[in-house]
Amino acid sequence: MQHHADSPDIAETASLESRRRWRSWFTAASFASPWLVGLLALFVYPFVVSLYWSFCQYDLINPPRFVGMDNYEQLANEFATGTGISHALWNTGYYALLSVPLSIVLGVGLATLLSCDIRGQSIFRTLFYLPSVIPVVAASILWMWLLNPADGLVNSILGWLGLWQPQWFASPAEFVSPNSLTEAAWANNSAPIGSKDALVLMSLWGMGNFMVIYLAAIGDIPKSLYEAARIDGAGPIRRFVNVTLPLLTPIIFFNLVMGLIQSVQAFTQIYIVSEGRGAPADSTLVISLHLFLSAFQHLNMGYASAVAWLLFALLGVATWFLFSTSRRWVYEGVR
């Protein structure tokens, strides 16, 4: 009899617990709904639709028409002939392979210098970090004025010092290329420095955000390690090489991956300095700009979607390669 009397209470308790859990789930879902809607509408849906469009001919006006692998075959043909996406990939690789390593080297160097206890340390840190918070559009216009080959401040100073004056954004020349080693490239008292080199210089100017991360990492290195190295007779250079640099490798790896992704996806500053078309002579036509022009100027959204998925695949392979090689040079920390 006792069992039958307690059964309704147990059922009622279970029902209340179920309603309580449902209310908790509904409350949590309500608070998370703005993010969930944004995730579905701005990420998942475009992600899936762009994959479908990459197999279609779509001009944003007429409905998408399935064409199979035609867009990817066009990309393959452009690779074979060295046009289109092949040229954009070269420009992107040139920019990324110069800007990312240089930003790491300069960022680590500046962070090491600014970690020293000197007078005005906070002022110097602020000055080096300030460019990274300036809006991209304003910074791009500023650099277009500074690097104006006719009356820019940089060329004016170089001319006053009697040095060669590059053409910067007005030239498709490449400093790191076989052509730059010829005597003709250095003729007329001018170095083969062009638009992509100017973009690299712009990217180095705004590396303050990476420098702050390195500064924080250096501050976390135990002082006892430096003291032990100093007692063993290690000078400043050996302490940097054997203590600071190994313990910074996890941060260097993080900035390497993030810097690579950001450099490949760079768009705003390149769009501004290249007049929105990759000028001069398509020397600044990187993959992101090539994708944008294909989609919204040529109205070839299917081809642009294929370019986007190619970019996704290249970034995935590059990131996988960095992760697979990181175990050989990234130090896991003090144990």
C-alpha atoms as a PDB file:
ATOM      1  CA  MET A   1       0.000   0.000   0.000  1.00  0.00           C
ATOM      2  CA  GLN A   2       2.840   2.360   0.770  1.00  0.00           C
ATOM      3  CA  HIS A   3       4.252   1.792  -2.697  1.00  0.00           C
ATOM      4  CA  HIS A   4       0.973   2.822  -4.365  1.00  0.00           C
ATOM      5  CA  ALA A   5       0.711   5.953  -2.232  1.00  0.00           C
ATOM      6  CA  ASP A   6       4.184   7.115  -3.143  1.00  0.00           C
ATOM      7  CA  SER A   7       3.855   6.488  -6.893  1.00  0.00           C
ATOM      8  CA  PRO A   8       1.953   9.740  -7.721  1.00  0.00           C
ATOM      9  CA  ASP A   9       4.494  11.769  -5.739  1.00  0.00           C
ATOM     10  CA  ILE A  10       7.353  10.203  -7.693  1.00  0.00           C
ATOM     11  CA  ALA A  11       5.598  10.855 -11.005  1.00  0.00           C
ATOM     12  CA  GLU A  12       4.841  14.456 -10.039  1.00  0.00           C
ATOM     13  CA  THR A  13       8.443  15.020  -8.963  1.00  0.00           C
ATOM     14  CA  ALA A  14       9.708  13.638 -12.270  1.00  0.00           C
ATOM     15  CA  SER A  15       7.295  15.871 -14.170  1.00  0.00           C
ATOM     16  CA  LEU A  16       8.426  18.958 -12.243  1.00  0.00           C
ATOM     17  CA  GLU A  17      12.072  18.075 -12.854  1.00  0.00           C
ATOM     18  CA  SER A  18      11.381  17.644 -16.571  1.00  0.00           C
ATOM     19  CA  ARG A  19       9.623  21.035 -16.775  1.00  0.00           C
ATOM     20  CA  ARG A  20      12.465  22.634 -14.839  1.00  0.00           C
ATOM     21  CA  ARG A  21      15.027  21.237 -17.236  1.00  0.00           C
ATOM     22  CA  TRP A  22      12.956  22.383 -20.218  1.00  0.00           C
ATOM     23  CA  ARG A  23      12.705  25.893 -18.756  1.00  0.00           C
ATOM     24  CA  SER A  24      16.451  25.986 -18.147  1.00  0.00           C
ATOM     25  CA  TRP A  25      17.175  24.832 -21.683  1.00  0.00           C
ATOM     26  CA  PHE A  26      14.697  27.341 -23.151  1.00  0.00           C
ATOM     27  CA  THR A  27      16.215  30.192 -21.102  1.00  0.00           C
ATOM     28  CA  ALA A  28      19.741  29.263 -22.200  1.00  0.00           C
ATOM     29  CA  ALA A  29      18.643  28.966 -25.828  1.00  0.00           C
ATOM     30  CA  SER A  30      16.907  32.357 -25.649  1.00  0.00           C
ATOM     31  CA  PHE A  31      20.054  34.067 -24.419  1.00  0.00           C
ATOM     32  CA  ALA A  32      22.175  32.272 -27.022  1.00  0.00           C
ATOM     33  CA  SER A  33      19.671  32.756 -29.867  1.00  0.00           C
ATOM     34  CA  PRO A  34      21.250  35.973 -31.292  1.00  0.00           C
ATOM     35  CA  TRP A  35      24.568  34.164 -31.660  1.00  0.00           C
ATOM     36  CA  LEU A  36      22.908  31.007 -32.990  1.00  0.00           C
ATOM     37  CA  VAL A  37      20.915  32.982 -35.578  1.00  0.00           C
ATOM     38  CA  GLY A  38      24.072  34.821 -36.602  1.00  0.00           C
ATOM     39  CA  LEU A  39      25.987  31.545 -36.873  1.00  0.00           C
ATOM     40  CA  LEU A  40      23.333  29.949 -39.062  1.00  0.00           C
ATOM     41  CA  ALA A  41      22.554  32.998 -41.219  1.00  0.00           C
ATOM     42  CA  LEU A  42      26.026  34.492 -41.602  1.00  0.00           C
ATOM     43  CA  PHE A  43      28.267  31.421 -41.534  1.00  0.00           C
ATOM     44  CA  VAL A  44      26.616  28.030 -42.005  1.00  0.00           C
ATOM     45  CA  TYR A  45      24.168  29.095 -44.744  1.00  0.00           C
ATOM     46  CA  PRO A  46      26.723  31.021 -46.863  1.00  0.00           C
ATOM     47  CA  PHE A  47      29.215  28.198 -46.333  1.00  0.00           C
ATOM     48  CA  VAL A  48      26.842  25.563 -47.725  1.00  0.00           C
ATOM     49  CA  VAL A  49      25.377  27.760 -50.480  1.00  0.00           C
ATOM     50  CA  SER A  50      28.804  28.863 -51.746  1.00  0.00           C
ATOM     51  CA  LEU A  51      29.772  25.207 -52.145  1.00  0.00           C
ATOM     52  CA  TYR A  52      26.671  24.641 -54.283  1.00  0.00           C
ATOM     53  CA  TRP A  53      27.275  27.829 -56.286  1.00  0.00           C
ATOM     54  CA  SER A  54      30.826  26.725 -57.070  1.00  0.00           C
ATOM     55  CA  PHE A  55      29.241  24.048 -59.307  1.00  0.00           C
ATOM     56  CA  CYS A  56      26.856  26.535 -60.929  1.00  0.00           C
ATOM     57  CA  GLN A  57      26.812  29.413 -63.362  1.00  0.00           C
ATOM     58  CA  TYR A  58      25.263  32.262 -61.393  1.00  0.00           C
ATOM     59  CA  ASP A  59      25.217  35.977 -62.265  1.00  0.00           C
ATOM     60  CA  LEU A  60      23.207  37.236 -59.227  1.00  0.00           C
ATOM     61  CA  ILE A  61      20.292  38.043 -61.548  1.00  0.00           C
ATOM     62  CA  ASN A  62      19.181  34.730 -63.020  1.00  0.00           C
ATOM     63  CA  PRO A  63      18.743  31.561 -60.950  1.00  0.00           C
ATOM     64  CA  PRO A  64      21.873  29.403 -60.492  1.00  0.00           C
ATOM     65  CA  ARG A  65      22.358  26.841 -63.270  1.00  0.00           C
ATOM     66  CA  PHE A  66      24.279  23.657 -62.427  1.00  0.00           C
ATOM     67  CA  VAL A  67      27.336  23.254 -64.688  1.00  0.00           C
ATOM     68  CA  GLY A  68      29.286  20.591 -62.810  1.00  0.00           C
ATOM     69  CA  MET A  69      33.065  21.064 -62.628  1.00  0.00           C
ATOM     70  CA  ASP A  70      33.256  23.862 -65.224  1.00  0.00           C
ATOM     71  CA  ASN A  71      34.378  26.504 -62.724  1.00  0.00           C
ATOM     72  CA  TYR A  72      37.107  24.285 -61.321  1.00  0.00           C
ATOM     73  CA  GLU A  73      38.221  23.373 -64.840  1.00  0.00           C
ATOM     74  CA  GLN A  74      38.538  27.085 -65.573  1.00  0.00           C
ATOM     75  CA  LEU A  75      40.741  27.462 -62.489  1.00  0.00           C
ATOM     76  CA  ALA A  76      42.883  24.539 -63.670  1.00  0.00           C
ATOM     77  CA  ASN A  77      43.248  26.119 -67.122  1.00  0.00           C
ATOM     78  CA  GLU A  78      44.299  29.418 -65.560  1.00  0.00           C
ATOM     79  CA  PHE A  79      46.927  27.604 -63.527  1.00  0.00           C
ATOM     80  CA  ALA A  80      48.187  25.904 -66.686  1.00  0.00           C
ATOM     81  CA  THR A  81      48.422  29.165 -68.660  1.00  0.00           C
ATOM     82  CA  GLY A  82      49.705  31.348 -65.808  1.00  0.00           C
ATOM     83  CA  THR A  83      46.774  33.762 -65.953  1.00  0.00           C
ATOM     84  CA  GLY A  84      43.863  34.711 -63.700  1.00  0.00           C
ATOM     85  CA  ILE A  85      43.977  32.817 -60.425  1.00  0.00           C
ATOM     86  CA  SER A  86      47.596  31.788 -61.023  1.00  0.00           C
ATOM     87  CA  HIS A  87      48.721  35.428 -61.095  1.00  0.00           C
ATOM     88  CA  ALA A  88      46.563  36.254 -58.071  1.00  0.00           C
ATOM     89  CA  LEU A  89      48.063  33.330 -56.162  1.00  0.00           C
ATOM     90  CA  TRP A  90      51.589  34.544 -56.917  1.00  0.00           C
ATOM     91  CA  ASN A  91      50.756  38.039 -55.656  1.00  0.00           C
ATOM     92  CA  THR A  92      49.158  36.606 -52.517  1.00  0.00           C
ATOM     93  CA  GLY A  93      52.090  34.299 -51.820  1.00  0.00           C
ATOM     94  CA  TYR A  94      54.590  37.118 -52.352  1.00  0.00           C
ATOM     95  CA  TYR A  95      52.770  39.348 -49.891  1.00  0.00           C
ATOM     96  CA  ALA A  96      52.199  36.626 -47.275  1.00  0.00           C
ATOM     97  CA  LEU A  97      55.686  35.082 -47.403  1.00  0.00           C
ATOM     98  CA  LEU A  98      57.318  38.481 -46.887  1.00  0.00           C
ATOM     99  CA  SER A  99      54.945  40.217 -44.478  1.00  0.00           C
ATOM    100  CA  VAL A 100      54.395  37.346 -42.026  1.00  0.00           C
ATOM    101  CA  PRO A 101      58.048  36.389 -41.309  1.00  0.00           C
ATOM    102  CA  LEU A 102      59.144  40.027 -41.199  1.00  0.00           C
ATOM    103  CA  SER A 103      56.343  40.911 -38.784  1.00  0.00           C
ATOM    104  CA  ILE A 104      57.405  38.043 -36.504  1.00  0.00           C
ATOM    105  CA  VAL A 105      61.082  39.043 -36.570  1.00  0.00           C
ATOM    106  CA  LEU A 106      60.378  42.724 -35.964  1.00  0.00           C
ATOM    107  CA  GLY A 107      57.675  41.980 -33.398  1.00  0.00           C
ATOM    108  CA  VAL A 108      59.948  39.730 -31.335  1.00  0.00           C
ATOM    109  CA  GLY A 109      62.830  42.187 -31.660  1.00  0.00           C
ATOM    110  CA  LEU A 110      60.780  45.186 -30.571  1.00  0.00           C
ATOM    111  CA  ALA A 111      59.142  43.262 -27.727  1.00  0.00           C
ATOM    112  CA  THR A 112      62.566  42.183 -26.467  1.00  0.00           C
ATOM    113  CA  LEU A 113      63.879  45.744 -26.567  1.00  0.00           C
ATOM    114  CA  LEU A 114      60.741  47.189 -24.969  1.00  0.00           C
ATOM    115  CA  SER A 115      60.875  44.619 -22.172  1.00  0.00           C
ATOM    116  CA  CYS A 116      64.100  46.211 -20.918  1.00  0.00           C
ATOM    117  CA  ASP A 117      63.766  48.510 -17.949  1.00  0.00           C
ATOM    118  CA  ILE A 118      64.476  51.892 -19.513  1.00  0.00           C
ATOM    119  CA  ARG A 119      63.240  55.434 -19.008  1.00  0.00           C
ATOM    120  CA  GLY A 120      60.027  56.160 -20.927  1.00  0.00           C
ATOM    121  CA  GLN A 121      59.253  52.495 -21.450  1.00  0.00           C
ATOM    122  CA  SER A 122      55.470  52.987 -21.414  1.00  0.00           C
ATOM    123  CA  ILE A 123      55.732  55.856 -23.922  1.00  0.00           C
ATOM    124  CA  PHE A 124      57.689  53.755 -26.398  1.00  0.00           C
ATOM    125  CA  ARG A 125      55.265  50.867 -26.008  1.00  0.00           C
ATOM    126  CA  THR A 126      52.334  53.171 -26.708  1.00  0.00           C
ATOM    127  CA  LEU A 127      53.999  54.666 -29.775  1.00  0.00           C
ATOM    128  CA  PHE A 128      54.743  51.280 -31.305  1.00  0.00           C
ATOM    129  CA  TYR A 129      51.261  49.948 -30.536  1.00  0.00           C
ATOM    130  CA  LEU A 130      49.338  53.032 -31.709  1.00  0.00           C
ATOM    131  CA  PRO A 131      49.492  52.297 -35.487  1.00  0.00           C
ATOM    132  CA  SER A 132      47.662  48.986 -34.986  1.00  0.00           C
ATOM    133  CA  VAL A 133      44.517  50.751 -33.707  1.00  0.00           C
ATOM    134  CA  ILE A 134      44.313  53.278 -36.564  1.00  0.00           C
ATOM    135  CA  PRO A 135      41.451  52.400 -38.983  1.00  0.00           C
ATOM    136  CA  VAL A 136      42.597  50.529 -42.067  1.00  0.00           C
ATOM    137  CA  VAL A 137      41.115  53.071 -44.482  1.00  0.00           C
ATOM    138  CA  ALA A 138      42.808  56.016 -42.788  1.00  0.00           C
ATOM    139  CA  ALA A 139      46.127  54.161 -42.602  1.00  0.00           C
ATOM    140  CA  SER A 140      45.919  53.216 -46.285  1.00  0.00           C
ATOM    141  CA  ILE A 141      45.306  56.813 -47.369  1.00  0.00           C
ATOM    142  CA  LEU A 142      48.155  57.970 -45.133  1.00  0.00           C
ATOM    143  CA  TRP A 143      50.567  55.492 -46.731  1.00  0.00           C
ATOM    144  CA  MET A 144      49.450  56.441 -50.229  1.00  0.00           C
ATOM    145  CA  TRP A 145      50.518  60.002 -49.379  1.00  0.00           C
ATOM    146  CA  LEU A 146      53.772  58.949 -47.692  1.00  0.00           C
ATOM    147  CA  LEU A 147      54.785  56.703 -50.603  1.00  0.00           C
ATOM    148  CA  ASN A 148      53.728  58.998 -53.417  1.00  0.00           C
ATOM    149  CA  PRO A 149      56.657  58.722 -55.857  1.00  0.00           C
ATOM    150  CA  ALA A 150      56.344  62.358 -56.957  1.00  0.00           C
ATOM    151  CA  ASP A 151      55.979  64.342 -53.742  1.00  0.00           C
ATOM    152  CA  GLY A 152      55.626  61.780 -50.928  1.00  0.00           C
ATOM    153  CA  LEU A 153      57.458  62.290 -47.662  1.00  0.00           C
ATOM    154  CA  VAL A 154      59.473  59.053 -47.934  1.00  0.00           C
ATOM    155  CA  ASN A 155      60.854  59.770 -51.408  1.00  0.00           C
ATOM    156  CA  SER A 156      61.514  63.385 -50.443  1.00  0.00           C
ATOM    157  CA  ILE A 157      63.707  62.222 -47.552  1.00  0.00           C
ATOM    158  CA  LEU A 158      65.439  59.630 -49.745  1.00  0.00           C
ATOM    159  CA  GLY A 159      66.126  62.266 -52.394  1.00  0.00           C
ATOM    160  CA  TRP A 160      67.500  64.671 -49.792  1.00  0.00           C
ATOM    161  CA  LEU A 161      69.861  61.902 -48.645  1.00  0.00           C
ATOM    162  CA  GLY A 162      70.922  61.219 -52.221  1.00  0.00           C
ATOM    163  CA  LEU A 163      69.432  57.711 -52.277  1.00  0.00           C
ATOM    164  CA  TRP A 164      67.325  56.008 -54.936  1.00  0.00           C
ATOM    165  CA  GLN A 165      63.617  56.745 -54.923  1.00  0.00           C
ATOM    166  CA  PRO A 166      61.301  53.763 -55.577  1.00  0.00           C
ATOM    167  CA  GLN A 167      58.053  54.137 -57.483  1.00  0.00           C
ATOM    168  CA  TRP A 168      56.155  52.265 -54.725  1.00  0.00           C
ATOM    169  CA  PHE A 169      52.450  51.912 -55.609  1.00  0.00           C
ATOM    170  CA  ALA A 170      53.037  53.199 -59.152  1.00  0.00           C
ATOM    171  CA  SER A 171      55.288  50.277 -60.163  1.00  0.00           C
ATOM    172  CA  PRO A 172      54.645  46.535 -60.621  1.00  0.00           C
ATOM    173  CA  ALA A 173      58.305  45.770 -59.830  1.00  0.00           C
ATOM    174  CA  GLU A 174      59.184  43.094 -57.263  1.00  0.00           C
ATOM    175  CA  PHE A 175      62.215  43.403 -55.020  1.00  0.00           C
ATOM    176  CA  VAL A 176      62.386  39.669 -54.235  1.00  0.00           C
ATOM    177  CA  SER A 177      62.464  38.194 -57.728  1.00  0.00           C
ATOM    178  CA  PRO A 178      65.073  37.023 -60.264  1.00  0.00           C
ATOM    179  CA  ASN A 179      64.463  40.151 -62.354  1.00  0.00           C
ATOM    180  CA  SER A 180      65.570  42.383 -59.486  1.00  0.00           C
ATOM    181  CA  LEU A 181      69.099  40.951 -59.726  1.00  0.00           C
ATOM    182  CA  THR A 182      69.707  42.324 -63.204  1.00  0.00           C
ATOM    183  CA  GLU A 183      71.602  45.532 -63.817  1.00  0.00           C
ATOM    184  CA  ALA A 184      68.720  46.979 -65.801  1.00  0.00           C
ATOM    185  CA  ALA A 185      66.443  46.715 -62.768  1.00  0.00           C
ATOM    186  CA  TRP A 186      68.710  49.083 -60.838  1.00  0.00           C
ATOM    187  CA  ALA A 187      69.216  51.527 -63.704  1.00  0.00           C
ATOM    188  CA  ASN A 188      68.322  55.212 -63.479  1.00  0.00           C
ATOM    189  CA  ASN A 189      69.239  55.260 -59.785  1.00  0.00           C
ATOM    190  CA  SER A 190      66.078  53.377 -58.843  1.00  0.00           C
ATOM    191  CA  ALA A 191      65.662  50.071 -57.009  1.00  0.00           C
ATOM    192  CA  PRO A 192      63.104  47.483 -58.229  1.00  0.00           C
ATOM    193  CA  ILE A 193      60.685  48.134 -55.387  1.00  0.00           C
ATOM    194  CA  GLY A 194      57.029  48.116 -56.331  1.00  0.00           C
ATOM    195  CA  SER A 195      53.469  47.915 -55.134  1.00  0.00           C
ATOM    196  CA  LYS A 196      53.652  44.561 -53.313  1.00  0.00           C
ATOM    197  CA  ASP A 197      56.751  45.703 -51.430  1.00  0.00           C
ATOM    198  CA  ALA A 198      54.858  48.822 -50.379  1.00  0.00           C
ATOM    199  CA  LEU A 199      52.013  46.636 -49.104  1.00  0.00           C
ATOM    200  CA  VAL A 200      54.507  44.631 -47.049  1.00  0.00           C
ATOM    201  CA  LEU A 201      55.845  47.877 -45.582  1.00  0.00           C
ATOM    202  CA  MET A 202      52.292  48.908 -44.671  1.00  0.00           C
ATOM    203  CA  SER A 203      51.673  45.613 -42.894  1.00  0.00           C
ATOM    204  CA  LEU A 204      54.845  45.973 -40.806  1.00  0.00           C
ATOM    205  CA  TRP A 205      53.748  49.413 -39.650  1.00  0.00           C
ATOM    206  CA  GLY A 206      50.700  47.909 -37.919  1.00  0.00           C
ATOM    207  CA  MET A 207      52.305  44.983 -36.093  1.00  0.00           C
ATOM    208  CA  GLY A 208      51.778  46.501 -32.641  1.00  0.00           C
ATOM    209  CA  ASN A 209      49.071  43.964 -31.754  1.00  0.00           C
ATOM    210  CA  PHE A 210      51.520  41.093 -32.225  1.00  0.00           C
ATOM    211  CA  MET A 211      54.197  42.986 -30.306  1.00  0.00           C
ATOM    212  CA  VAL A 212      51.905  43.304 -27.271  1.00  0.00           C
ATOM    213  CA  ILE A 213      51.401  39.523 -27.235  1.00  0.00           C
ATOM    214  CA  TYR A 214      55.161  38.978 -27.322  1.00  0.00           C
ATOM    215  CA  LEU A 215      55.614  41.487 -24.505  1.00  0.00           C
ATOM    216  CA  ALA A 216      53.119  39.616 -22.329  1.00  0.00           C
ATOM    217  CA  ALA A 217      54.840  36.320 -23.084  1.00  0.00           C
ATOM    218  CA  ILE A 218      58.270  37.715 -22.214  1.00  0.00           C
ATOM    219  CA  GLY A 219      56.870  39.031 -18.937  1.00  0.00           C
ATOM    220  CA  ASP A 220      55.726  35.492 -18.036  1.00  0.00           C
ATOM    221  CA  ILE A 221      59.195  33.966 -18.461  1.00  0.00           C
ATOM    222  CA  PRO A 222      60.580  33.094 -14.984  1.00  0.00           C
ATOM    223  CA  LYS A 223      63.346  35.487 -13.941  1.00  0.00           C
ATOM    224  CA  SER A 224      65.173  32.568 -12.361  1.00  0.00           C
ATOM    225  CA  LEU A 225      66.009  31.237 -15.816  1.00  0.00           C
ATOM    226  CA  TYR A 226      67.766  34.481 -16.740  1.00  0.00           C
ATOM    227  CA  GLU A 227      69.586  34.495 -13.412  1.00  0.00           C
ATOM    228  CA  ALA A 228      70.786  30.930 -13.939  1.00  0.00           C
ATOM    229  CA  ALA A 229      71.957  31.729 -17.455  1.00  0.00           C
ATOM    230  CA  ARG A 230      73.743  34.843 -16.213  1.00  0.00           C
ATOM    231  CA  ILE A 231      75.508  32.838 -13.489  1.00  0.00           C
ATOM    232  CA  ASP A 232      76.624  30.341 -16.147  1.00  0.00           C
ATOM    233  CA  GLY A 233      78.252  33.209 -18.044  1.00  0.00           C
ATOM    234  CA  ALA A 234      75.667  33.700 -20.790  1.00  0.00           C
ATOM    235  CA  GLY A 235      75.609  37.177 -22.291  1.00  0.00           C
ATOM    236  CA  PRO A 236      72.527  39.055 -23.559  1.00  0.00           C
ATOM    237  CA  ILE A 237      72.576  37.364 -26.977  1.00  0.00           C
ATOM    238  CA  ARG A 238      72.940  33.849 -25.582  1.00  0.00           C
ATOM    239  CA  ARG A 239      70.210  34.523 -22.999  1.00  0.00           C
ATOM    240  CA  PHE A 240      67.918  35.614 -25.814  1.00  0.00           C
ATOM    241  CA  VAL A 241      68.741  32.614 -28.015  1.00  0.00           C
ATOM    242  CA  ASN A 242      68.689  29.963 -25.286  1.00  0.00           C
ATOM    243  CA  VAL A 243      66.026  31.311 -22.916  1.00  0.00           C
ATOM    244  CA  THR A 244      63.763  33.956 -24.453  1.00  0.00           C
ATOM    245  CA  LEU A 245      63.379  32.585 -27.970  1.00  0.00           C
ATOM    246  CA  PRO A 246      62.544  28.944 -27.056  1.00  0.00           C
ATOM    247  CA  LEU A 247      59.904  30.047 -24.555  1.00  0.00           C
ATOM    248  CA  LEU A 248      58.400  32.391 -27.160  1.00  0.00           C
ATOM    249  CA  THR A 249      57.962  29.674 -29.787  1.00  0.00           C
ATOM    250  CA  PRO A 250      54.337  28.847 -28.790  1.00  0.00           C
ATOM    251  CA  ILE A 251      53.424  32.526 -29.234  1.00  0.00           C
ATOM    252  CA  ILE A 252      55.429  32.722 -32.457  1.00  0.00           C
ATOM    253  CA  PHE A 253      53.520  29.689 -33.726  1.00  0.00           C
ATOM    254  CA  PHE A 254      50.176  31.283 -32.835  1.00  0.00           C
ATOM    255  CA  ASN A 255      51.088  34.558 -34.551  1.00  0.00           C
ATOM    256  CA  LEU A 256      52.454  32.660 -37.539  1.00  0.00           C
ATOM    257  CA  VAL A 257      49.151  30.867 -38.103  1.00  0.00           C
ATOM    258  CA  MET A 258      47.018  33.949 -37.473  1.00  0.00           C
ATOM    259  CA  GLY A 259      49.311  36.195 -39.517  1.00  0.00           C
ATOM    260  CA  LEU A 260      49.204  33.785 -42.460  1.00  0.00           C
ATOM    261  CA  ILE A 261      45.403  33.686 -42.417  1.00  0.00           C
ATOM    262  CA  GLN A 262      45.130  37.476 -42.109  1.00  0.00           C
ATOM    263  CA  SER A 263      47.643  38.133 -44.893  1.00  0.00           C
ATOM    264  CA  VAL A 264      45.888  35.780 -47.318  1.00  0.00           C
ATOM    265  CA  GLN A 265      42.513  37.353 -46.500  1.00  0.00           C
ATOM    266  CA  ALA A 266      43.790  40.955 -46.636  1.00  0.00           C
ATOM    267  CA  PHE A 267      41.428  43.049 -48.738  1.00  0.00           C
ATOM    268  CA  THR A 268      40.524  46.567 -47.576  1.00  0.00           C
ATOM    269  CA  GLN A 269      43.953  48.188 -47.755  1.00  0.00           C
ATOM    270  CA  ILE A 270      44.745  46.446 -51.048  1.00  0.00           C
ATOM    271  CA  TYR A 271      41.437  47.563 -52.549  1.00  0.00           C
ATOM    272  CA  ILE A 272      42.145  51.173 -51.611  1.00  0.00           C
ATOM    273  CA  VAL A 273      45.747  51.463 -52.789  1.00  0.00           C
ATOM    274  CA  SER A 274      45.055  49.560 -56.025  1.00  0.00           C
ATOM    275  CA  GLU A 275      42.042  51.681 -56.993  1.00  0.00           C
ATOM    276  CA  GLY A 276      39.838  48.628 -56.615  1.00  0.00           C
ATOM    277  CA  ARG A 277      41.311  46.812 -59.630  1.00  0.00           C
ATOM    278  CA  GLY A 278      44.738  45.495 -58.660  1.00  0.00           C
ATOM    279  CA  ALA A 279      46.699  48.371 -60.216  1.00  0.00           C
ATOM    280  CA  PRO A 280      49.335  48.829 -61.443  1.00  0.00           C
ATOM    281  CA  ALA A 281      49.331  46.078 -64.070  1.00  0.00           C
ATOM    282  CA  ASP A 282      47.540  43.610 -61.754  1.00  0.00           C
ATOM    283  CA  SER A 283      50.552  43.591 -59.426  1.00  0.00           C
ATOM    284  CA  THR A 284      48.285  43.883 -56.362  1.00  0.00           C
ATOM    285  CA  LEU A 285      45.562  41.577 -57.650  1.00  0.00           C
ATOM    286  CA  VAL A 286      45.579  39.140 -54.720  1.00  0.00           C
ATOM    287  CA  ILE A 287      43.137  36.244 -54.363  1.00  0.00           C
ATOM    288  CA  SER A 288      40.697  38.153 -52.140  1.00  0.00           C
ATOM    289  CA  LEU A 289      40.485  41.045 -54.615  1.00  0.00           C
ATOM    290  CA  HIS A 290      40.268  38.644 -57.565  1.00  0.00           C
ATOM    291  CA  LEU A 291      37.354  36.921 -55.831  1.00  0.00           C
ATOM    292  CA  PHE A 292      35.595  40.229 -55.135  1.00  0.00           C
ATOM    293  CA  LEU A 293      35.952  41.491 -58.727  1.00  0.00           C
ATOM    294  CA  SER A 294      34.793  38.156 -60.163  1.00  0.00           C
ATOM    295  CA  ALA A 295      31.668  38.168 -58.002  1.00  0.00           C
ATOM    296  CA  PHE A 296      30.548  41.803 -57.994  1.00  0.00           C
ATOM    297  CA  GLN A 297      32.138  43.353 -61.076  1.00  0.00           C
ATOM    298  CA  HIS A 298      31.989  40.477 -63.562  1.00  0.00           C
ATOM    299  CA  LEU A 299      28.890  38.979 -61.871  1.00  0.00           C
ATOM    300  CA  ASN A 300      30.374  35.498 -62.028  1.00  0.00           C
ATOM    301  CA  MET A 301      29.370  34.266 -58.601  1.00  0.00           C
ATOM    302  CA  GLY A 302      29.879  30.599 -59.473  1.00  0.00           C
ATOM    303  CA  TYR A 303      33.512  31.141 -60.427  1.00  0.00           C
ATOM    304  CA  ALA A 304      34.024  33.386 -57.375  1.00  0.00           C
ATOM    305  CA  SER A 305      32.630  30.651 -55.113  1.00  0.00           C
ATOM    306  CA  ALA A 306      35.091  28.185 -56.628  1.00  0.00           C
ATOM    307  CA  VAL A 307      37.910  30.664 -55.915  1.00  0.00           C
ATOM    308  CA  ALA A 308      36.683  30.975 -52.319  1.00  0.00           C
ATOM    309  CA  TRP A 309      36.780  27.209 -51.850  1.00  0.00           C
ATOM    310  CA  LEU A 310      40.228  27.058 -53.413  1.00  0.00           C
ATOM    311  CA  LEU A 311      41.360  29.707 -50.927  1.00  0.00           C
ATOM    312  CA  PHE A 312      39.783  27.696 -48.106  1.00  0.00           C
ATOM    313  CA  ALA A 313      41.613  24.556 -49.231  1.00  0.00           C
ATOM    314  CA  LEU A 314      44.965  26.362 -49.518  1.00  0.00           C
ATOM    315  CA  LEU A 315      44.614  27.850 -46.042  1.00  0.00           C
ATOM    316  CA  GLY A 316      43.627  24.450 -44.678  1.00  0.00           C
ATOM    317  CA  VAL A 317      46.692  22.788 -46.196  1.00  0.00           C
ATOM    318  CA  ALA A 318      49.013  25.578 -45.002  1.00  0.00           C
ATOM    319  CA  THR A 319      47.591  25.430 -41.467  1.00  0.00           C
ATOM    320  CA  TRP A 320      47.865  21.637 -41.396  1.00  0.00           C
ATOM    321  CA  PHE A 321      51.496  21.881 -42.523  1.00  0.00           C
ATOM    322  CA  LEU A 322      52.314  24.385 -39.771  1.00  0.00           C
ATOM    323  CA  PHE A 323      50.664  22.217 -37.121  1.00  0.00           C
ATOM    324  CA  SER A 324      52.366  19.061 -38.378  1.00  0.00           C
ATOM    325  CA  THR A 325      55.818  20.691 -38.233  1.00  0.00           C
ATOM    326  CA  SER A 326      55.276  22.588 -34.975  1.00  0.00           C
ATOM    327  CA  ARG A 327      56.353  19.647 -32.796  1.00  0.00           C
ATOM    328  CA  ARG A 328      59.874  20.013 -34.189  1.00  0.00           C
ATOM    329  CA  TRP A 329      60.442  23.624 -33.177  1.00  0.00           C
ATOM    330  CA  VAL A 330      57.745  24.731 -30.716  1.00  0.00           C
ATOM    331  CA  TYR A 331      58.974  24.444 -27.145  1.00  0.00           C
ATOM    332  CA  GLU A 332      56.337  23.026 -24.784  1.00  0.00           C
ATOM    333  CA  GLY A 333      57.455  25.055 -21.777  1.00  0.00           C
ATOM    334  CA  VAL A 334      59.212  24.657 -18.469  1.00  0.00           C
ATOM    335  CA  ARG A 335      58.341  21.454 -16.573  1.00  0.00           C
END
